[in-house]
Amino acid sequence: MPTVFRERGSRFFFYSNEGSPLEPVHIHVEKDSFEAKFWLHPTVQLAYNDGYDARTLRELSRIVEANRSRIERVWNEHFA
């Protein structure tokens, strides 16, 4: 599970073996016992949520959007 970055106490990561075939570019966010998943294309969009409130999800979405190119770069390097 490569960690792409950490921000505001949350870990932004993806799984190395998720999906067969490999799922499109996305990022998981984890803090305490909460987890969410965001698709990056065509726009940043929530895929699922386990525990985060709406306000936090909006904030996480903004963080993912601001780091979108970084996430894609690490994803592409990992799966190359």
Protein backbone atom coordinates (compact mmCIF):
# COMPACT_ATOMS: atom_id res chain seq x y z
CA MET A 1 0.00 0.00 0.00
CA PRO A 2 2.06 2.93 -1.20
CA THR A 3 1.43 6.09 0.82
CA VAL A 4 1.41 9.06 -1.54
CA PHE A 5 1.32 11.72 1.19
CA ARG A 6 -0.08 12.62 4.60
CA GLU A 7 -2.04 15.75 5.34
CA ARG A 8 -4.08 16.91 8.34
CA GLY A 9 -3.61 13.58 10.05
CA SER A 10 -4.91 11.59 7.07
CA ARG A 11 -2.99 9.11 4.97
CA PHE A 12 -3.54 9.25 1.20
CA PHE A 13 -2.66 5.90 -0.40
CA PHE A 14 -3.62 3.20 -2.87
CA TYR A 15 -3.49 -0.58 -2.82
CA SER A 16 -0.97 -2.36 -5.05
CA ASN A 17 -3.26 -5.28 -5.84
CA GLU A 18 -6.71 -3.71 -6.05
CA GLY A 19 -8.90 -5.00 -8.83
CA SER A 20 -8.33 -7.39 -11.67
CA PRO A 21 -8.06 -5.82 -14.10
CA LEU A 22 -6.44 -2.87 -12.35
CA GLU A 23 -8.94 -0.17 -11.40
CA PRO A 24 -8.56 3.34 -12.85
CA VAL A 25 -6.48 5.91 -10.97
CA HIS A 26 -7.92 6.60 -7.52
CA ILE A 27 -6.83 7.36 -3.97
CA HIS A 28 -7.89 6.08 -0.57
CA VAL A 29 -7.90 8.36 2.47
CA GLU A 30 -7.66 6.94 5.97
CA LYS A 31 -7.75 8.51 9.40
CA ASP A 32 -8.48 6.59 12.59
CA SER A 33 -11.18 4.08 11.61
CA PHE A 34 -12.55 6.18 8.72
CA GLU A 35 -11.80 5.54 5.06
CA ALA A 36 -12.90 7.04 1.77
CA LYS A 37 -12.00 6.44 -1.86
CA PHE A 38 -11.92 9.04 -4.64
CA TRP A 39 -11.78 8.52 -8.40
CA LEU A 40 -9.55 11.05 -10.17
CA HIS A 41 -11.10 10.96 -13.66
CA PRO A 42 -12.88 12.51 -15.35
CA THR A 43 -13.22 14.67 -12.23
CA VAL A 44 -12.43 14.01 -8.58
CA GLN A 45 -15.44 12.09 -7.33
CA LEU A 46 -16.22 10.15 -4.17
CA ALA A 47 -16.33 6.39 -4.82
CA TYR A 48 -17.19 5.33 -1.27
CA ASN A 49 -17.18 6.59 2.28
CA ASP A 50 -16.94 4.75 5.57
CA GLY A 51 -17.41 7.18 8.43
CA TYR A 52 -16.51 10.68 7.24
CA ASP A 53 -19.06 13.48 7.55
CA ALA A 54 -20.03 15.65 4.57
CA ARG A 55 -17.87 18.59 5.62
CA THR A 56 -14.75 16.43 5.93
CA LEU A 57 -15.46 14.77 2.58
CA ARG A 58 -15.59 18.18 0.89
CA GLU A 59 -12.25 19.07 2.47
CA LEU A 60 -10.71 15.76 1.45
CA SER A 61 -12.00 16.21 -2.10
CA ARG A 62 -10.29 19.62 -2.26
CA ILE A 63 -7.03 18.08 -1.01
CA VAL A 64 -7.23 15.30 -3.60
CA GLU A 65 -7.92 17.84 -6.35
CA ALA A 66 -4.95 19.98 -5.26
CA ASN A 67 -2.67 16.91 -5.32
CA ARG A 68 -4.12 15.21 -8.36
CA SER A 69 -0.97 15.37 -10.50
CA ARG A 70 1.15 14.12 -7.61
CA ILE A 71 -1.18 11.16 -7.05
CA GLU A 72 -1.16 10.31 -10.76
CA ARG A 73 2.63 10.55 -10.94
CA VAL A 74 3.13 8.16 -8.00
CA TRP A 75 0.44 5.80 -9.38
CA ASN A 76 2.08 5.70 -12.82
CA GLU A 77 5.55 5.17 -11.37
CA HIS A 78 4.28 2.35 -9.15
CA PHE A 79 2.41 0.49 -11.88
CA ALA A 80 4.95 1.10 -14.68
